[in-house]
């Protein structure tokens, strides 16, 4: 049995409910760049440039937006060190570390099953 989604007790949330705020969280963590950024931060604090190099293909604008969203939701911390030039590091919070296992499993699944999903994509393209 599911209940209408309301803010409040966790038991009242139903991610399948149209207005459930859990969908916003799901959108945040299921985003490709969020998933990869969290993976890039698994080993500890990392500077912006190192994250960008690790996430081949991400633009500075998209990475900045991703980092800001993750920070605003308590997934990562941003630390600014007063130096010239400024030294900024990003790291996972305790909450962010709870995502490491589930998101690593999704990334691994994508790598292991790429070949299994390609024929389905090719068939869809031919059909259109």
C-alpha atoms as a PDB file:
ATOM      1  CA  UNK A   1       0.000   0.000   0.000  1.00  0.00           C
ATOM      2  CA  UNK A   2       1.318   3.445  -0.859  1.00  0.00           C
ATOM      3  CA  UNK A   3       0.416   6.729   0.747  1.00  0.00           C
ATOM      4  CA  UNK A   4       0.104  10.191  -0.744  1.00  0.00           C
ATOM      5  CA  UNK A   5       3.425  11.926  -0.710  1.00  0.00           C
ATOM      6  CA  UNK A   6       3.737  14.624   1.935  1.00  0.00           C
ATOM      7  CA  UNK A   7       6.701  16.358   3.383  1.00  0.00           C
ATOM      8  CA  UNK A   8       7.306  15.033   6.853  1.00  0.00           C
ATOM      9  CA  UNK A   9       7.840  11.477   7.999  1.00  0.00           C
ATOM     10  CA  UNK A  10       9.838   9.333   5.599  1.00  0.00           C
ATOM     11  CA  UNK A  11       7.181   6.603   5.678  1.00  0.00           C
ATOM     12  CA  UNK A  12       4.798   8.944   3.866  1.00  0.00           C
ATOM     13  CA  UNK A  13       7.007   9.278   0.792  1.00  0.00           C
ATOM     14  CA  UNK A  14       6.175   7.407  -2.405  1.00  0.00           C
ATOM     15  CA  UNK A  15       8.645   8.087  -5.217  1.00  0.00           C
ATOM     16  CA  UNK A  16       5.965   6.958  -7.680  1.00  0.00           C
ATOM     17  CA  UNK A  17       3.641   9.755  -6.526  1.00  0.00           C
ATOM     18  CA  UNK A  18       3.537  12.636  -9.013  1.00  0.00           C
ATOM     19  CA  UNK A  19       4.255  15.299  -6.401  1.00  0.00           C
ATOM     20  CA  UNK A  20       6.686  13.364  -4.230  1.00  0.00           C
ATOM     21  CA  UNK A  21       9.788  15.441  -3.434  1.00  0.00           C
ATOM     22  CA  UNK A  22      11.802  12.200  -3.547  1.00  0.00           C
ATOM     23  CA  UNK A  23      11.719  12.580  -7.325  1.00  0.00           C
ATOM     24  CA  UNK A  24      13.917  15.664  -7.038  1.00  0.00           C
ATOM     25  CA  UNK A  25      16.467  13.640  -5.084  1.00  0.00           C
ATOM     26  CA  UNK A  26      16.263  10.821  -7.621  1.00  0.00           C
ATOM     27  CA  UNK A  27      16.784  13.331 -10.434  1.00  0.00           C
ATOM     28  CA  UNK A  28      19.838  14.695  -8.642  1.00  0.00           C
ATOM     29  CA  UNK A  29      21.596  11.386  -7.974  1.00  0.00           C
ATOM     30  CA  UNK A  30      20.570   9.588 -11.173  1.00  0.00           C
ATOM     31  CA  UNK A  31      22.001  12.354 -13.361  1.00  0.00           C
ATOM     32  CA  UNK A  32      24.979  11.142 -15.402  1.00  0.00           C
ATOM     33  CA  UNK A  33      27.290  13.927 -14.270  1.00  0.00           C
ATOM     34  CA  UNK A  34      26.255  13.612 -10.614  1.00  0.00           C
ATOM     35  CA  UNK A  35      26.883   9.883 -10.672  1.00  0.00           C
ATOM     36  CA  UNK A  36      30.323  10.343 -12.223  1.00  0.00           C
ATOM     37  CA  UNK A  37      31.238  13.279  -9.972  1.00  0.00           C
ATOM     38  CA  UNK A  38      30.390  11.303  -6.843  1.00  0.00           C
ATOM     39  CA  UNK A  39      32.575   8.479  -8.166  1.00  0.00           C
ATOM     40  CA  UNK A  40      35.433  10.895  -8.797  1.00  0.00           C
ATOM     41  CA  UNK A  41      35.251  12.001  -5.155  1.00  0.00           C
ATOM     42  CA  UNK A  42      35.223   8.507  -3.617  1.00  0.00           C
ATOM     43  CA  UNK A  43      38.906   8.557  -2.628  1.00  0.00           C
ATOM     44  CA  UNK A  44      38.896  11.949  -0.904  1.00  0.00           C
ATOM     45  CA  UNK A  45      39.103  15.682  -1.588  1.00  0.00           C
ATOM     46  CA  UNK A  46      39.707  16.688  -5.197  1.00  0.00           C
ATOM     47  CA  UNK A  47      40.213  20.011  -6.960  1.00  0.00           C
ATOM     48  CA  UNK A  48      37.945  21.203  -9.764  1.00  0.00           C
ATOM     49  CA  UNK A  49      40.497  20.644 -12.526  1.00  0.00           C
ATOM     50  CA  UNK A  50      41.160  17.065 -11.414  1.00  0.00           C
ATOM     51  CA  UNK A  51      37.434  16.308 -11.377  1.00  0.00           C
ATOM     52  CA  UNK A  52      37.045  17.776 -14.858  1.00  0.00           C
ATOM     53  CA  UNK A  53      39.945  15.674 -16.197  1.00  0.00           C
ATOM     54  CA  UNK A  54      38.491  12.521 -14.592  1.00  0.00           C
ATOM     55  CA  UNK A  55      35.060  13.205 -16.143  1.00  0.00           C
ATOM     56  CA  UNK A  56      36.169  13.360 -19.748  1.00  0.00           C
ATOM     57  CA  UNK A  57      33.796  15.469 -21.821  1.00  0.00           C
ATOM     58  CA  UNK A  58      32.171  17.545 -19.078  1.00  0.00           C
ATOM     59  CA  UNK A  59      32.227  21.295 -19.691  1.00  0.00           C
ATOM     60  CA  UNK A  60      33.275  23.675 -16.905  1.00  0.00           C
ATOM     61  CA  UNK A  61      29.737  25.127 -16.876  1.00  0.00           C
ATOM     62  CA  UNK A  62      28.063  21.736 -16.451  1.00  0.00           C
ATOM     63  CA  UNK A  63      30.574  20.617 -13.816  1.00  0.00           C
ATOM     64  CA  UNK A  64      30.115  23.851 -11.864  1.00  0.00           C
ATOM     65  CA  UNK A  65      26.341  23.404 -11.966  1.00  0.00           C
ATOM     66  CA  UNK A  66      26.629  19.762 -10.901  1.00  0.00           C
ATOM     67  CA  UNK A  67      28.940  20.585  -8.011  1.00  0.00           C
ATOM     68  CA  UNK A  68      26.635  23.382  -6.829  1.00  0.00           C
ATOM     69  CA  UNK A  69      23.580  21.108  -6.918  1.00  0.00           C
ATOM     70  CA  UNK A  70      25.373  18.352  -5.010  1.00  0.00           C
ATOM     71  CA  UNK A  71      26.619  20.859  -2.450  1.00  0.00           C
ATOM     72  CA  UNK A  72      23.192  22.447  -1.983  1.00  0.00           C
ATOM     73  CA  UNK A  73      21.723  19.012  -1.206  1.00  0.00           C
ATOM     74  CA  UNK A  74      24.411  18.081   1.317  1.00  0.00           C
ATOM     75  CA  UNK A  75      26.106  15.450  -0.875  1.00  0.00           C
ATOM     76  CA  UNK A  76      29.460  17.234  -1.132  1.00  0.00           C
ATOM     77  CA  UNK A  77      31.379  19.905   0.759  1.00  0.00           C
ATOM     78  CA  UNK A  78      33.349  22.703  -0.894  1.00  0.00           C
ATOM     79  CA  UNK A  79      36.387  24.006   0.962  1.00  0.00           C
ATOM     80  CA  UNK A  80      38.174  27.194  -0.087  1.00  0.00           C
ATOM     81  CA  UNK A  81      41.769  27.584   1.056  1.00  0.00           C
ATOM     82  CA  UNK A  82      43.029  31.189   1.152  1.00  0.00           C
ATOM     83  CA  UNK A  83      45.974  31.075  -1.176  1.00  0.00           C
ATOM     84  CA  UNK A  84      46.980  32.850  -4.359  1.00  0.00           C
ATOM     85  CA  UNK A  85      45.401  31.638  -6.496  1.00  0.00           C
ATOM     86  CA  UNK A  86      42.496  30.299  -4.427  1.00  0.00           C
ATOM     87  CA  UNK A  87      42.675  26.583  -3.750  1.00  0.00           C
ATOM     88  CA  UNK A  88      39.228  24.906  -3.755  1.00  0.00           C
ATOM     89  CA  UNK A  89      38.586  21.252  -2.965  1.00  0.00           C
ATOM     90  CA  UNK A  90      35.437  19.179  -3.114  1.00  0.00           C
ATOM     91  CA  UNK A  91      34.749  16.098  -1.031  1.00  0.00           C
ATOM     92  CA  UNK A  92      31.868  13.817  -0.182  1.00  0.00           C
ATOM     93  CA  UNK A  93      29.949  14.413   3.024  1.00  0.00           C
ATOM     94  CA  UNK A  94      28.872  11.518   5.232  1.00  0.00           C
ATOM     95  CA  UNK A  95      25.591  11.536   3.296  1.00  0.00           C
ATOM     96  CA  UNK A  96      27.499  11.526   0.012  1.00  0.00           C
ATOM     97  CA  UNK A  97      29.484   8.477   1.098  1.00  0.00           C
ATOM     98  CA  UNK A  98      26.205   6.545   1.451  1.00  0.00           C
ATOM     99  CA  UNK A  99      25.813   6.881  -2.334  1.00  0.00           C
ATOM    100  CA  UNK A 100      29.226   5.439  -3.206  1.00  0.00           C
ATOM    101  CA  UNK A 101      28.187   1.762  -3.203  1.00  0.00           C
ATOM    102  CA  UNK A 102      24.869   2.072  -5.054  1.00  0.00           C
ATOM    103  CA  UNK A 103      26.271   4.418  -7.716  1.00  0.00           C
ATOM    104  CA  UNK A 104      29.429   2.322  -8.173  1.00  0.00           C
ATOM    105  CA  UNK A 105      27.165  -0.668  -8.831  1.00  0.00           C
ATOM    106  CA  UNK A 106      25.262   1.293 -11.490  1.00  0.00           C
ATOM    107  CA  UNK A 107      28.484   2.463 -13.177  1.00  0.00           C
ATOM    108  CA  UNK A 108      29.846  -1.093 -13.154  1.00  0.00           C
ATOM    109  CA  UNK A 109      26.572  -2.442 -14.556  1.00  0.00           C
ATOM    110  CA  UNK A 110      26.755   0.100 -17.412  1.00  0.00           C
ATOM    111  CA  UNK A 111      30.322  -0.956 -18.250  1.00  0.00           C
ATOM    112  CA  UNK A 112      29.571  -4.685 -18.040  1.00  0.00           C
ATOM    113  CA  UNK A 113      26.335  -4.554 -20.052  1.00  0.00           C
ATOM    114  CA  UNK A 114      27.163  -2.010 -22.734  1.00  0.00           C
ATOM    115  CA  UNK A 115      27.410  -4.703 -25.393  1.00  0.00           C
ATOM    116  CA  UNK A 116      24.091  -6.185 -24.267  1.00  0.00           C
ATOM    117  CA  UNK A 117      22.297  -2.857 -24.675  1.00  0.00           C
ATOM    118  CA  UNK A 118      23.792  -1.783 -28.026  1.00  0.00           C
ATOM    119  CA  UNK A 119      21.720  -4.116 -30.257  1.00  0.00           C
ATOM    120  CA  UNK A 120      18.516  -2.807 -28.690  1.00  0.00           C
ATOM    121  CA  UNK A 121      19.576   0.780 -29.470  1.00  0.00           C
ATOM    122  CA  UNK A 122      20.466  -0.152 -33.055  1.00  0.00           C
ATOM    123  CA  UNK A 123      17.067  -1.800 -33.592  1.00  0.00           C
ATOM    124  CA  UNK A 124      15.278   1.300 -32.287  1.00  0.00           C
ATOM    125  CA  UNK A 125      17.280   3.539 -34.638  1.00  0.00           C
ATOM    126  CA  UNK A 126      16.477   1.310 -37.655  1.00  0.00           C
ATOM    127  CA  UNK A 127      12.761   1.330 -36.741  1.00  0.00           C
ATOM    128  CA  UNK A 128      12.639   5.154 -36.819  1.00  0.00           C
END
